[in-house]
Amino acid sequence: MQPRAEQKLQTRHALMDAARSLMDSGRGFGSLSLREVARTAGIVPTGFYRHFQDMDELGLALVAEVGETFREAIRQVRHHELELGGLIDASVRIFLDAVAANRAQFLFLAREQYGGSLPVRLALGALRERITADLIADLALMPKLQHLDSRAQAHLADLVVKTVFATLPELIDPPRETLPAHLTPQAKMIEQLRFIFIGAKHWQGLGHGNASNPENAP
């Protein structure tokens, strides 16, 4: 890489780091101004435009970055062949290690999935859909879930991904008081995933295939 291109890339990363640093104090991305992000990164405001058109484009770059980190964690889980039972624990540990190693990125994801920037929210929603689609493909290959049709597999993947996304805020900012081991965010995530997968293993459909009749619902 040429020195000038390398410097440009470093400045781009500095702007992204500056935004995450400002958010670490508890602020939402939508409250950040271009000027303060540039100042925190150590450049003049006009220099910002050499890297991003506006704050929304910076936000989308942050989404792309955490998306790649998230999906890399999933690839590691896939490498260890996520199955029912004990390997759920191992897979959660892989994910928690990724969160701990990239706290600022996952802090952004945890807060901004419900944040004030519409482009960022939409991009994070699209990321969640891509992760769900990847998981659907994985579930279709799991021998213990072959009894599920494609619709049930899609519901299962959606439940798993939403559980992980919903637990992120607790993982990033755990309660200050000391909790019993079984009530920690990590323990709750493992137990919730066990419930989901055990239920899926025994799922026979609403009313044993008559899902259209609400009276058959439990």
N, C-alpha and C. Protein backbone atom coordinates (compact mmCIF):
# COMPACT_ATOMS: atom_id res chain seq x y z
N MET A 1 0.85 -1.20 0.00
CA MET A 1 0.00 0.00 0.00
C MET A 1 0.88 1.25 0.00
N GLN A 2 0.53 2.21 -0.84
CA GLN A 2 1.30 3.44 -0.92
C GLN A 2 1.16 4.23 0.39
N PRO A 3 2.23 4.97 0.77
CA PRO A 3 2.17 5.72 2.05
C PRO A 3 0.95 6.63 2.15
N ARG A 4 0.59 7.33 1.05
CA ARG A 4 -0.54 8.23 1.12
C ARG A 4 -1.85 7.48 1.32
N ALA A 5 -2.00 6.35 0.62
CA ALA A 5 -3.20 5.55 0.78
C ALA A 5 -3.28 4.96 2.19
N GLU A 6 -2.12 4.55 2.71
CA GLU A 6 -2.09 4.01 4.06
C GLU A 6 -2.46 5.08 5.08
N GLN A 7 -1.97 6.29 4.89
CA GLN A 7 -2.31 7.38 5.80
C GLN A 7 -3.80 7.69 5.75
N LYS A 8 -4.37 7.66 4.53
CA LYS A 8 -5.80 7.92 4.39
C LYS A 8 -6.61 6.86 5.12
N LEU A 9 -6.19 5.61 5.00
CA LEU A 9 -6.89 4.53 5.69
C LEU A 9 -6.77 4.70 7.20
N GLN A 10 -5.61 5.11 7.68
CA GLN A 10 -5.42 5.32 9.11
C GLN A 10 -6.33 6.43 9.64
N THR A 11 -6.46 7.50 8.84
CA THR A 11 -7.32 8.61 9.25
C THR A 11 -8.79 8.17 9.26
N ARG A 12 -9.16 7.38 8.27
CA ARG A 12 -10.53 6.84 8.24
C ARG A 12 -10.81 6.02 9.49
N HIS A 13 -9.88 5.16 9.85
CA HIS A 13 -10.05 4.35 11.06
C HIS A 13 -10.05 5.24 12.30
N ALA A 14 -9.27 6.32 12.29
CA ALA A 14 -9.23 7.24 13.44
C ALA A 14 -10.60 7.89 13.64
N LEU A 15 -11.28 8.23 12.56
CA LEU A 15 -12.61 8.82 12.65
C LEU A 15 -13.61 7.81 13.22
N MET A 16 -13.51 6.57 12.78
CA MET A 16 -14.39 5.53 13.31
C MET A 16 -14.11 5.28 14.78
N ASP A 17 -12.82 5.24 15.14
CA ASP A 17 -12.46 5.06 16.55
C ASP A 17 -12.96 6.24 17.39
N ALA A 18 -12.88 7.45 16.83
CA ALA A 18 -13.33 8.64 17.56
C ALA A 18 -14.82 8.57 17.86
N ALA A 19 -15.60 8.13 16.87
CA ALA A 19 -17.05 8.01 17.08
C ALA A 19 -17.35 6.99 18.18
N ARG A 20 -16.66 5.85 18.13
CA ARG A 20 -16.89 4.83 19.15
C ARG A 20 -16.45 5.33 20.53
N SER A 21 -15.36 6.08 20.57
CA SER A 21 -14.87 6.61 21.85
C SER A 21 -15.89 7.56 22.47
N LEU A 22 -16.48 8.41 21.66
CA LEU A 22 -17.50 9.34 22.15
C LEU A 22 -18.73 8.59 22.63
N MET A 23 -19.08 7.51 21.95
CA MET A 23 -20.24 6.73 22.35
C MET A 23 -19.99 5.96 23.64
N ASP A 24 -18.73 5.68 23.93
CA ASP A 24 -18.40 4.90 25.12
C ASP A 24 -18.78 5.63 26.40
N SER A 25 -18.98 6.96 26.29
CA SER A 25 -19.38 7.74 27.47
C SER A 25 -20.89 7.67 27.70
N GLY A 26 -21.60 6.93 26.85
CA GLY A 26 -23.03 6.75 27.03
C GLY A 26 -23.88 7.45 26.00
N ARG A 27 -23.29 8.11 25.05
CA ARG A 27 -24.04 8.84 24.04
C ARG A 27 -24.43 7.94 22.87
N GLY A 28 -25.52 8.30 22.21
CA GLY A 28 -25.93 7.59 21.02
C GLY A 28 -25.26 8.17 19.80
N PHE A 29 -25.17 7.36 18.75
CA PHE A 29 -24.51 7.81 17.54
C PHE A 29 -25.21 9.04 16.95
N GLY A 30 -26.53 9.05 17.04
CA GLY A 30 -27.29 10.17 16.47
C GLY A 30 -27.02 11.50 17.13
N SER A 31 -26.44 11.49 18.33
CA SER A 31 -26.16 12.74 19.04
C SER A 31 -24.78 13.30 18.72
N LEU A 32 -23.97 12.53 17.99
CA LEU A 32 -22.62 12.99 17.68
C LEU A 32 -22.62 13.97 16.53
N SER A 33 -21.78 14.97 16.60
CA SER A 33 -21.64 15.92 15.51
C SER A 33 -20.38 15.62 14.71
N LEU A 34 -20.40 16.01 13.46
CA LEU A 34 -19.25 15.83 12.59
C LEU A 34 -18.02 16.53 13.17
N ARG A 35 -18.22 17.74 13.68
CA ARG A 35 -17.10 18.52 14.19
C ARG A 35 -16.42 17.85 15.38
N GLU A 36 -17.21 17.34 16.32
CA GLU A 36 -16.57 16.74 17.49
C GLU A 36 -15.91 15.41 17.15
N VAL A 37 -16.46 14.66 16.20
CA VAL A 37 -15.80 13.43 15.78
C VAL A 37 -14.46 13.76 15.14
N ALA A 38 -14.45 14.78 14.25
CA ALA A 38 -13.20 15.19 13.61
C ALA A 38 -12.20 15.68 14.64
N ARG A 39 -12.66 16.49 15.59
CA ARG A 39 -11.76 17.02 16.62
C ARG A 39 -11.18 15.88 17.45
N THR A 40 -12.00 14.92 17.82
CA THR A 40 -11.51 13.79 18.62
C THR A 40 -10.50 12.96 17.84
N ALA A 41 -10.69 12.88 16.52
CA ALA A 41 -9.76 12.14 15.67
C ALA A 41 -8.49 12.93 15.37
N GLY A 42 -8.48 14.21 15.72
CA GLY A 42 -7.28 15.02 15.51
C GLY A 42 -7.16 15.61 14.13
N ILE A 43 -8.29 15.81 13.44
CA ILE A 43 -8.24 16.43 12.12
C ILE A 43 -9.22 17.60 12.10
N VAL A 44 -9.08 18.47 11.10
CA VAL A 44 -10.01 19.59 10.95
C VAL A 44 -11.31 19.07 10.36
N PRO A 45 -12.45 19.75 10.64
CA PRO A 45 -13.74 19.27 10.14
C PRO A 45 -13.78 19.07 8.63
N THR A 46 -13.14 19.95 7.87
CA THR A 46 -13.16 19.78 6.41
C THR A 46 -12.46 18.49 5.98
N GLY A 47 -11.53 18.03 6.80
CA GLY A 47 -10.84 16.78 6.49
C GLY A 47 -11.76 15.57 6.57
N PHE A 48 -12.83 15.69 7.34
CA PHE A 48 -13.79 14.60 7.47
C PHE A 48 -14.32 14.18 6.11
N TYR A 49 -14.57 15.18 5.25
CA TYR A 49 -15.23 14.91 3.97
C TYR A 49 -14.32 14.20 2.97
N ARG A 50 -13.06 14.08 3.28
CA ARG A 50 -12.17 13.28 2.43
C ARG A 50 -12.39 11.79 2.65
N HIS A 51 -13.14 11.46 3.68
CA HIS A 51 -13.32 10.05 4.04
C HIS A 51 -14.79 9.62 4.06
N PHE A 52 -15.68 10.53 4.45
CA PHE A 52 -17.10 10.21 4.52
C PHE A 52 -17.90 11.42 4.03
N GLN A 53 -19.00 11.16 3.33
CA GLN A 53 -19.84 12.25 2.85
C GLN A 53 -20.53 12.96 4.00
N ASP A 54 -20.94 12.17 5.01
CA ASP A 54 -21.64 12.74 6.15
C ASP A 54 -21.59 11.73 7.30
N MET A 55 -22.25 12.04 8.41
CA MET A 55 -22.22 11.16 9.57
C MET A 55 -22.93 9.84 9.29
N ASP A 56 -23.96 9.87 8.46
CA ASP A 56 -24.65 8.62 8.13
C ASP A 56 -23.71 7.64 7.44
N GLU A 57 -22.87 8.14 6.55
CA GLU A 57 -21.93 7.24 5.88
C GLU A 57 -20.91 6.68 6.86
N LEU A 58 -20.50 7.50 7.83
CA LEU A 58 -19.63 7.00 8.88
C LEU A 58 -20.34 5.90 9.66
N GLY A 59 -21.60 6.12 9.98
CA GLY A 59 -22.36 5.11 10.71
C GLY A 59 -22.46 3.81 9.94
N LEU A 60 -22.65 3.89 8.63
CA LEU A 60 -22.73 2.68 7.81
C LEU A 60 -21.40 1.94 7.78
N ALA A 61 -20.29 2.69 7.82
CA ALA A 61 -18.98 2.05 7.89
C ALA A 61 -18.82 1.30 9.21
N LEU A 62 -19.34 1.86 10.29
CA LEU A 62 -19.29 1.19 11.59
C LEU A 62 -20.13 -0.08 11.57
N VAL A 63 -21.29 -0.03 10.89
CA VAL A 63 -22.13 -1.22 10.77
C VAL A 63 -21.39 -2.30 10.00
N ALA A 64 -20.76 -1.94 8.88
CA ALA A 64 -20.03 -2.92 8.08
C ALA A 64 -18.92 -3.57 8.89
N GLU A 65 -18.25 -2.77 9.71
CA GLU A 65 -17.14 -3.29 10.50
C GLU A 65 -17.63 -4.30 11.54
N VAL A 66 -18.65 -3.94 12.31
CA VAL A 66 -19.13 -4.86 13.34
C VAL A 66 -19.80 -6.06 12.69
N GLY A 67 -20.37 -5.86 11.50
CA GLY A 67 -20.97 -6.99 10.79
C GLY A 67 -19.94 -8.04 10.44
N GLU A 68 -18.79 -7.62 9.97
CA GLU A 68 -17.73 -8.57 9.63
C GLU A 68 -17.21 -9.25 10.89
N THR A 69 -17.07 -8.51 11.99
CA THR A 69 -16.62 -9.11 13.24
C THR A 69 -17.63 -10.14 13.74
N PHE A 70 -18.92 -9.78 13.67
CA PHE A 70 -19.99 -10.67 14.12
C PHE A 70 -19.99 -11.95 13.28
N ARG A 71 -19.90 -11.80 11.97
CA ARG A 71 -19.98 -12.97 11.11
C ARG A 71 -18.71 -13.83 11.21
N GLU A 72 -17.59 -13.21 11.54
CA GLU A 72 -16.38 -13.99 11.78
C GLU A 72 -16.55 -14.85 13.03
N ALA A 73 -17.21 -14.29 14.06
CA ALA A 73 -17.49 -15.08 15.26
C ALA A 73 -18.39 -16.26 14.91
N ILE A 74 -19.36 -16.03 14.04
CA ILE A 74 -20.26 -17.12 13.63
C ILE A 74 -19.49 -18.17 12.84
N ARG A 75 -18.54 -17.73 12.01
CA ARG A 75 -17.72 -18.71 11.27
C ARG A 75 -16.92 -19.58 12.23
N GLN A 76 -16.46 -18.99 13.32
CA GLN A 76 -15.75 -19.77 14.33
C GLN A 76 -16.68 -20.78 14.99
N VAL A 77 -17.91 -20.35 15.27
CA VAL A 77 -18.90 -21.26 15.83
C VAL A 77 -19.16 -22.40 14.84
N ARG A 78 -19.32 -22.05 13.57
CA ARG A 78 -19.58 -23.06 12.54
C ARG A 78 -18.42 -24.05 12.45
N HIS A 79 -17.22 -23.54 12.61
CA HIS A 79 -16.04 -24.39 12.57
C HIS A 79 -16.08 -25.43 13.67
N HIS A 80 -16.67 -25.05 14.80
CA HIS A 80 -16.77 -25.97 15.94
C HIS A 80 -18.08 -26.76 15.92
N GLU A 81 -18.82 -26.67 14.81
CA GLU A 81 -20.01 -27.50 14.59
C GLU A 81 -21.02 -27.37 15.72
N LEU A 82 -21.72 -26.26 15.74
CA LEU A 82 -22.78 -26.04 16.73
C LEU A 82 -23.81 -27.16 16.65
N GLU A 83 -24.04 -27.81 17.77
CA GLU A 83 -25.03 -28.87 17.86
C GLU A 83 -25.83 -28.66 19.14
N LEU A 84 -26.80 -29.55 19.35
CA LEU A 84 -27.57 -29.47 20.58
C LEU A 84 -26.70 -29.90 21.75
N GLY A 85 -27.06 -29.41 22.94
CA GLY A 85 -26.37 -29.86 24.13
C GLY A 85 -25.18 -29.02 24.51
N GLY A 86 -24.08 -29.71 24.90
CA GLY A 86 -22.93 -29.04 25.49
C GLY A 86 -22.25 -28.04 24.59
N LEU A 87 -22.28 -28.25 23.28
CA LEU A 87 -21.58 -27.34 22.40
C LEU A 87 -22.24 -25.97 22.31
N ILE A 88 -23.46 -25.84 22.79
CA ILE A 88 -24.06 -24.51 22.89
C ILE A 88 -23.20 -23.65 23.83
N ASP A 89 -22.77 -24.26 24.94
CA ASP A 89 -21.92 -23.54 25.89
C ASP A 89 -20.64 -23.07 25.21
N ALA A 90 -20.00 -23.97 24.46
CA ALA A 90 -18.75 -23.62 23.79
C ALA A 90 -18.98 -22.53 22.75
N SER A 91 -20.09 -22.61 22.03
CA SER A 91 -20.37 -21.63 21.00
C SER A 91 -20.64 -20.26 21.61
N VAL A 92 -21.33 -20.23 22.74
CA VAL A 92 -21.57 -18.96 23.43
C VAL A 92 -20.25 -18.36 23.90
N ARG A 93 -19.35 -19.21 24.37
CA ARG A 93 -18.04 -18.70 24.82
C ARG A 93 -17.27 -18.08 23.66
N ILE A 94 -17.34 -18.69 22.49
CA ILE A 94 -16.68 -18.13 21.31
C ILE A 94 -17.24 -16.74 21.02
N PHE A 95 -18.57 -16.62 21.08
CA PHE A 95 -19.20 -15.33 20.82
C PHE A 95 -18.84 -14.32 21.89
N LEU A 96 -18.84 -14.73 23.15
CA LEU A 96 -18.50 -13.81 24.24
C LEU A 96 -17.06 -13.34 24.13
N ASP A 97 -16.17 -14.22 23.69
CA ASP A 97 -14.77 -13.82 23.48
C ASP A 97 -14.69 -12.74 22.40
N ALA A 98 -15.50 -12.88 21.34
CA ALA A 98 -15.52 -11.87 20.28
C ALA A 98 -16.04 -10.54 20.80
N VAL A 99 -17.07 -10.58 21.64
CA VAL A 99 -17.62 -9.36 22.22
C VAL A 99 -16.59 -8.69 23.12
N ALA A 100 -15.91 -9.48 23.95
CA ALA A 100 -14.91 -8.91 24.87
C ALA A 100 -13.74 -8.29 24.11
N ALA A 101 -13.35 -8.93 23.01
CA ALA A 101 -12.20 -8.44 22.25
C ALA A 101 -12.54 -7.23 21.39
N ASN A 102 -13.84 -7.02 21.14
CA ASN A 102 -14.27 -5.92 20.27
C ASN A 102 -15.44 -5.18 20.92
N ARG A 103 -15.25 -4.82 22.20
CA ARG A 103 -16.34 -4.25 22.98
C ARG A 103 -16.93 -3.00 22.33
N ALA A 104 -16.08 -2.11 21.83
CA ALA A 104 -16.58 -0.86 21.25
C ALA A 104 -17.47 -1.11 20.05
N GLN A 105 -17.11 -2.08 19.23
CA GLN A 105 -17.93 -2.40 18.07
C GLN A 105 -19.30 -2.93 18.49
N PHE A 106 -19.31 -3.85 19.44
CA PHE A 106 -20.57 -4.45 19.86
C PHE A 106 -21.40 -3.49 20.71
N LEU A 107 -20.74 -2.54 21.38
CA LEU A 107 -21.48 -1.48 22.07
C LEU A 107 -22.28 -0.67 21.06
N PHE A 108 -21.65 -0.34 19.96
CA PHE A 108 -22.33 0.37 18.88
C PHE A 108 -23.53 -0.43 18.38
N LEU A 109 -23.34 -1.73 18.14
CA LEU A 109 -24.44 -2.57 17.65
C LEU A 109 -25.56 -2.64 18.67
N ALA A 110 -25.20 -2.87 19.94
CA ALA A 110 -26.21 -3.05 20.98
C ALA A 110 -27.09 -1.82 21.13
N ARG A 111 -26.49 -0.64 21.07
CA ARG A 111 -27.25 0.59 21.28
C ARG A 111 -27.97 1.06 20.03
N GLU A 112 -27.32 0.95 18.89
CA GLU A 112 -27.85 1.59 17.69
C GLU A 112 -28.87 0.76 16.94
N GLN A 113 -29.11 -0.49 17.34
CA GLN A 113 -30.20 -1.23 16.71
C GLN A 113 -31.54 -0.60 17.05
N TYR A 114 -31.56 0.22 18.09
CA TYR A 114 -32.76 0.99 18.45
C TYR A 114 -32.43 2.48 18.52
N GLY A 115 -31.36 2.91 17.85
CA GLY A 115 -30.88 4.28 17.96
C GLY A 115 -31.63 5.27 17.10
N GLY A 116 -31.11 6.50 17.08
CA GLY A 116 -31.80 7.60 16.43
C GLY A 116 -31.50 7.79 14.97
N SER A 117 -30.49 7.08 14.43
CA SER A 117 -30.14 7.23 13.02
C SER A 117 -30.87 6.18 12.20
N LEU A 118 -31.79 6.62 11.35
CA LEU A 118 -32.56 5.67 10.55
C LEU A 118 -31.68 4.85 9.61
N PRO A 119 -30.74 5.46 8.87
CA PRO A 119 -29.88 4.64 8.00
C PRO A 119 -29.11 3.57 8.76
N VAL A 120 -28.64 3.91 9.96
CA VAL A 120 -27.90 2.93 10.76
C VAL A 120 -28.83 1.82 11.23
N ARG A 121 -30.03 2.18 11.69
CA ARG A 121 -30.99 1.16 12.13
C ARG A 121 -31.34 0.21 10.99
N LEU A 122 -31.56 0.76 9.81
CA LEU A 122 -31.91 -0.08 8.66
C LEU A 122 -30.74 -1.00 8.29
N ALA A 123 -29.53 -0.47 8.36
CA ALA A 123 -28.35 -1.28 8.03
C ALA A 123 -28.16 -2.40 9.05
N LEU A 124 -28.39 -2.10 10.32
CA LEU A 124 -28.28 -3.14 11.34
C LEU A 124 -29.38 -4.17 11.19
N GLY A 125 -30.57 -3.74 10.79
CA GLY A 125 -31.64 -4.69 10.51
C GLY A 125 -31.28 -5.61 9.36
N ALA A 126 -30.67 -5.05 8.32
CA ALA A 126 -30.23 -5.87 7.18
C ALA A 126 -29.13 -6.84 7.61
N LEU A 127 -28.24 -6.38 8.49
CA LEU A 127 -27.20 -7.27 9.00
C LEU A 127 -27.82 -8.44 9.75
N ARG A 128 -28.80 -8.15 10.59
CA ARG A 128 -29.46 -9.23 11.34
C ARG A 128 -30.12 -10.22 10.39
N GLU A 129 -30.71 -9.73 9.30
CA GLU A 129 -31.34 -10.63 8.33
C GLU A 129 -30.30 -11.51 7.64
N ARG A 130 -29.12 -10.95 7.34
CA ARG A 130 -28.07 -11.75 6.70
C ARG A 130 -27.56 -12.83 7.66
N ILE A 131 -27.39 -12.46 8.93
CA ILE A 131 -26.95 -13.44 9.92
C ILE A 131 -27.99 -14.54 10.06
N THR A 132 -29.26 -14.15 10.07
CA THR A 132 -30.34 -15.14 10.17
C THR A 132 -30.33 -16.07 8.97
N ALA A 133 -30.13 -15.52 7.79
CA ALA A 133 -30.09 -16.35 6.58
C ALA A 133 -28.94 -17.35 6.64
N ASP A 134 -27.78 -16.90 7.13
CA ASP A 134 -26.64 -17.82 7.29
C ASP A 134 -26.99 -18.95 8.25
N LEU A 135 -27.67 -18.60 9.35
CA LEU A 135 -28.01 -19.61 10.34
C LEU A 135 -29.04 -20.58 9.79
N ILE A 136 -29.99 -20.11 9.01
CA ILE A 136 -30.98 -21.00 8.39
C ILE A 136 -30.26 -22.07 7.56
N ALA A 137 -29.27 -21.64 6.78
CA ALA A 137 -28.51 -22.59 5.96
C ALA A 137 -27.79 -23.62 6.83
N ASP A 138 -27.25 -23.17 7.99
CA ASP A 138 -26.58 -24.10 8.89
C ASP A 138 -27.56 -25.08 9.52
N LEU A 139 -28.73 -24.58 9.94
CA LEU A 139 -29.71 -25.44 10.59
C LEU A 139 -30.21 -26.53 9.65
N ALA A 140 -30.30 -26.22 8.38
CA ALA A 140 -30.78 -27.19 7.40
C ALA A 140 -29.85 -28.40 7.29
N LEU A 141 -28.59 -28.24 7.75
CA LEU A 141 -27.61 -29.33 7.66
C LEU A 141 -27.49 -30.12 8.96
N MET A 142 -28.20 -29.69 10.01
CA MET A 142 -28.07 -30.35 11.31
C MET A 142 -28.95 -31.59 11.35
N PRO A 143 -28.36 -32.78 11.57
CA PRO A 143 -29.15 -34.02 11.54
C PRO A 143 -30.32 -34.03 12.52
N LYS A 144 -30.14 -33.43 13.70
CA LYS A 144 -31.19 -33.50 14.72
C LYS A 144 -32.36 -32.57 14.43
N LEU A 145 -32.25 -31.77 13.37
CA LEU A 145 -33.33 -30.83 13.04
C LEU A 145 -33.93 -31.09 11.67
N GLN A 146 -33.67 -32.28 11.13
CA GLN A 146 -34.17 -32.59 9.80
C GLN A 146 -35.69 -32.72 9.74
N HIS A 147 -36.32 -32.89 10.90
CA HIS A 147 -37.79 -33.00 10.92
C HIS A 147 -38.46 -31.65 10.73
N LEU A 148 -37.70 -30.54 10.84
CA LEU A 148 -38.27 -29.21 10.69
C LEU A 148 -38.35 -28.84 9.22
N ASP A 149 -39.48 -28.26 8.81
CA ASP A 149 -39.57 -27.77 7.45
C ASP A 149 -38.87 -26.42 7.35
N SER A 150 -38.79 -25.87 6.15
CA SER A 150 -38.03 -24.64 5.94
C SER A 150 -38.62 -23.48 6.74
N ARG A 151 -39.93 -23.44 6.89
CA ARG A 151 -40.55 -22.36 7.67
C ARG A 151 -40.16 -22.45 9.14
N ALA A 152 -40.18 -23.66 9.69
CA ALA A 152 -39.81 -23.84 11.09
C ALA A 152 -38.33 -23.51 11.30
N GLN A 153 -37.48 -23.89 10.35
CA GLN A 153 -36.06 -23.56 10.46
C GLN A 153 -35.84 -22.05 10.45
N ALA A 154 -36.63 -21.35 9.63
CA ALA A 154 -36.53 -19.89 9.58
C ALA A 154 -36.95 -19.28 10.91
N HIS A 155 -38.03 -19.80 11.51
CA HIS A 155 -38.47 -19.30 12.81
C HIS A 155 -37.41 -19.56 13.87
N LEU A 156 -36.81 -20.75 13.82
CA LEU A 156 -35.78 -21.11 14.80
C LEU A 156 -34.59 -20.17 14.68
N ALA A 157 -34.12 -19.95 13.46
CA ALA A 157 -32.98 -19.05 13.26
C ALA A 157 -33.31 -17.64 13.73
N ASP A 158 -34.51 -17.18 13.46
CA ASP A 158 -34.92 -15.84 13.87
C ASP A 158 -34.91 -15.73 15.39
N LEU A 159 -35.40 -16.76 16.09
CA LEU A 159 -35.40 -16.76 17.55
C LEU A 159 -33.98 -16.70 18.11
N VAL A 160 -33.09 -17.49 17.55
CA VAL A 160 -31.72 -17.54 18.03
C VAL A 160 -31.04 -16.18 17.86
N VAL A 161 -31.14 -15.62 16.66
CA VAL A 161 -30.47 -14.35 16.38
C VAL A 161 -31.06 -13.22 17.22
N LYS A 162 -32.38 -13.18 17.35
CA LYS A 162 -32.99 -12.14 18.16
C LYS A 162 -32.61 -12.28 19.63
N THR A 163 -32.46 -13.51 20.10
CA THR A 163 -32.02 -13.72 21.49
C THR A 163 -30.62 -13.15 21.70
N VAL A 164 -29.72 -13.41 20.75
CA VAL A 164 -28.36 -12.91 20.86
C VAL A 164 -28.34 -11.38 20.81
N PHE A 165 -29.06 -10.82 19.86
CA PHE A 165 -29.10 -9.35 19.72
C PHE A 165 -29.71 -8.71 20.97
N ALA A 166 -30.76 -9.32 21.51
CA ALA A 166 -31.44 -8.74 22.67
C ALA A 166 -30.58 -8.81 23.93
N THR A 167 -29.70 -9.81 24.01
CA THR A 167 -28.86 -9.98 25.19
C THR A 167 -27.61 -9.11 25.15
N LEU A 168 -27.27 -8.60 23.97
CA LEU A 168 -26.05 -7.81 23.83
C LEU A 168 -25.94 -6.65 24.82
N PRO A 169 -26.99 -5.83 25.01
CA PRO A 169 -26.84 -4.72 25.97
C PRO A 169 -26.42 -5.17 27.36
N GLU A 170 -26.95 -6.32 27.83
CA GLU A 170 -26.58 -6.82 29.15
C GLU A 170 -25.15 -7.33 29.16
N LEU A 171 -24.70 -7.89 28.04
CA LEU A 171 -23.32 -8.38 27.97
C LEU A 171 -22.34 -7.22 27.96
N ILE A 172 -22.70 -6.15 27.26
CA ILE A 172 -21.82 -4.98 27.15
C ILE A 172 -21.78 -4.19 28.45
N ASP A 173 -22.95 -3.98 29.05
CA ASP A 173 -23.06 -3.22 30.30
C ASP A 173 -23.73 -4.09 31.35
N PRO A 174 -22.99 -5.03 31.93
CA PRO A 174 -23.60 -5.94 32.91
C PRO A 174 -24.06 -5.19 34.15
N PRO A 175 -25.01 -5.76 34.90
CA PRO A 175 -25.47 -5.12 36.14
C PRO A 175 -24.32 -4.90 37.11
N ARG A 176 -24.38 -3.80 37.85
CA ARG A 176 -23.31 -3.48 38.79
C ARG A 176 -23.29 -4.42 39.99
N GLU A 177 -24.48 -4.85 40.42
CA GLU A 177 -24.51 -5.73 41.58
C GLU A 177 -24.07 -7.14 41.17
N THR A 178 -23.53 -7.86 42.13
CA THR A 178 -23.10 -9.22 41.88
C THR A 178 -24.32 -10.13 41.81
N LEU A 179 -24.42 -10.87 40.72
CA LEU A 179 -25.56 -11.74 40.51
C LEU A 179 -25.18 -13.20 40.75
N PRO A 180 -26.14 -14.03 41.17
CA PRO A 180 -25.86 -15.47 41.21
C PRO A 180 -25.44 -15.95 39.82
N ALA A 181 -24.65 -16.99 39.79
CA ALA A 181 -24.09 -17.45 38.51
C ALA A 181 -25.17 -17.74 37.48
N HIS A 182 -26.32 -18.26 37.93
CA HIS A 182 -27.35 -18.65 36.96
C HIS A 182 -28.15 -17.45 36.44
N LEU A 183 -27.91 -16.26 37.00
CA LEU A 183 -28.64 -15.07 36.55
C LEU A 183 -27.77 -14.10 35.75
N THR A 184 -26.52 -14.45 35.52
CA THR A 184 -25.67 -13.58 34.73
C THR A 184 -26.15 -13.56 33.28
N PRO A 185 -25.85 -12.49 32.53
CA PRO A 185 -26.28 -12.46 31.12
C PRO A 185 -25.77 -13.65 30.32
N GLN A 186 -24.54 -14.08 30.60
CA GLN A 186 -23.99 -15.23 29.88
C GLN A 186 -24.80 -16.49 30.15
N ALA A 187 -25.11 -16.72 31.43
CA ALA A 187 -25.87 -17.91 31.80
C ALA A 187 -27.27 -17.87 31.21
N LYS A 188 -27.88 -16.69 31.24
CA LYS A 188 -29.23 -16.58 30.68
C LYS A 188 -29.24 -16.85 29.18
N MET A 189 -28.21 -16.37 28.46
CA MET A 189 -28.15 -16.63 27.03
C MET A 189 -28.05 -18.13 26.75
N ILE A 190 -27.20 -18.81 27.51
CA ILE A 190 -27.05 -20.26 27.32
C ILE A 190 -28.36 -20.97 27.59
N GLU A 191 -29.02 -20.62 28.69
CA GLU A 191 -30.27 -21.28 29.04
C GLU A 191 -31.36 -20.99 28.00
N GLN A 192 -31.44 -19.76 27.54
CA GLN A 192 -32.44 -19.42 26.53
C GLN A 192 -32.21 -20.20 25.25
N LEU A 193 -30.95 -20.31 24.83
CA LEU A 193 -30.65 -21.07 23.61
C LEU A 193 -30.96 -22.55 23.81
N ARG A 194 -30.71 -23.06 25.00
CA ARG A 194 -31.07 -24.47 25.27
C ARG A 194 -32.57 -24.68 25.16
N PHE A 195 -33.34 -23.77 25.75
CA PHE A 195 -34.79 -23.86 25.64
C PHE A 195 -35.21 -23.89 24.17
N ILE A 196 -34.65 -22.98 23.40
CA ILE A 196 -35.03 -22.86 21.99
C ILE A 196 -34.70 -24.14 21.23
N PHE A 197 -33.48 -24.65 21.40
CA PHE A 197 -33.07 -25.81 20.62
C PHE A 197 -33.74 -27.10 21.10
N ILE A 198 -33.94 -27.23 22.40
CA ILE A 198 -34.65 -28.42 22.90
C ILE A 198 -36.09 -28.41 22.40
N GLY A 199 -36.71 -27.22 22.43
CA GLY A 199 -38.06 -27.12 21.89
C GLY A 199 -38.10 -27.45 20.41
N ALA A 200 -37.09 -26.98 19.67
CA ALA A 200 -37.05 -27.27 18.23
C ALA A 200 -36.87 -28.75 17.97
N LYS A 201 -36.07 -29.41 18.81
CA LYS A 201 -35.81 -30.84 18.63
C LYS A 201 -37.11 -31.64 18.71
N HIS A 202 -38.04 -31.18 19.55
CA HIS A 202 -39.29 -31.93 19.76
C HIS A 202 -40.48 -31.29 19.06
N TRP A 203 -40.24 -30.23 18.28
CA TRP A 203 -41.33 -29.51 17.63
C TRP A 203 -42.01 -30.37 16.57
N GLN A 204 -43.35 -30.43 16.64
CA GLN A 204 -44.13 -31.15 15.65
C GLN A 204 -45.14 -30.24 14.97
N GLY A 205 -45.02 -28.96 15.20
CA GLY A 205 -45.95 -28.01 14.60
C GLY A 205 -47.13 -27.74 15.51
N LEU A 206 -47.78 -26.61 15.30
CA LEU A 206 -48.97 -26.28 16.08
C LEU A 206 -50.08 -27.28 15.74
N GLY A 207 -50.59 -27.92 16.76
CA GLY A 207 -51.67 -28.88 16.51
C GLY A 207 -51.22 -30.03 15.64
N HIS A 208 -49.92 -30.40 15.73
CA HIS A 208 -49.37 -31.49 14.93
C HIS A 208 -49.64 -31.28 13.46
N GLY A 209 -49.30 -30.06 12.99
CA GLY A 209 -49.41 -29.78 11.56
C GLY A 209 -50.59 -28.93 11.20
N ASN A 210 -51.52 -28.66 12.14
CA ASN A 210 -52.67 -27.82 11.85
C ASN A 210 -52.44 -26.43 12.42
N ALA A 211 -51.44 -25.73 11.86
CA ALA A 211 -51.06 -24.43 12.41
C ALA A 211 -52.08 -23.36 12.11
N SER A 212 -53.01 -23.61 11.21
CA SER A 212 -53.96 -22.57 10.83
C SER A 212 -55.07 -22.42 11.85
N ASN A 213 -55.23 -23.37 12.78
CA ASN A 213 -56.30 -23.31 13.76
C ASN A 213 -55.74 -22.81 15.08
N PRO A 214 -56.08 -21.57 15.50
CA PRO A 214 -55.51 -21.03 16.73
C PRO A 214 -55.92 -21.80 17.97
N GLU A 215 -57.02 -22.58 17.89
CA GLU A 215 -57.44 -23.34 19.05
C GLU A 215 -56.47 -24.46 19.38
N ASN A 216 -55.63 -24.81 18.41
CA ASN A 216 -54.66 -25.86 18.64
C ASN A 216 -53.39 -25.34 19.29
N ALA A 217 -53.26 -24.02 19.39
CA ALA A 217 -52.06 -23.44 19.98
C ALA A 217 -52.03 -23.74 21.47
N PRO A 218 -50.84 -23.96 22.04
CA PRO A 218 -50.75 -24.25 23.48
C PRO A 218 -51.13 -23.04 24.30
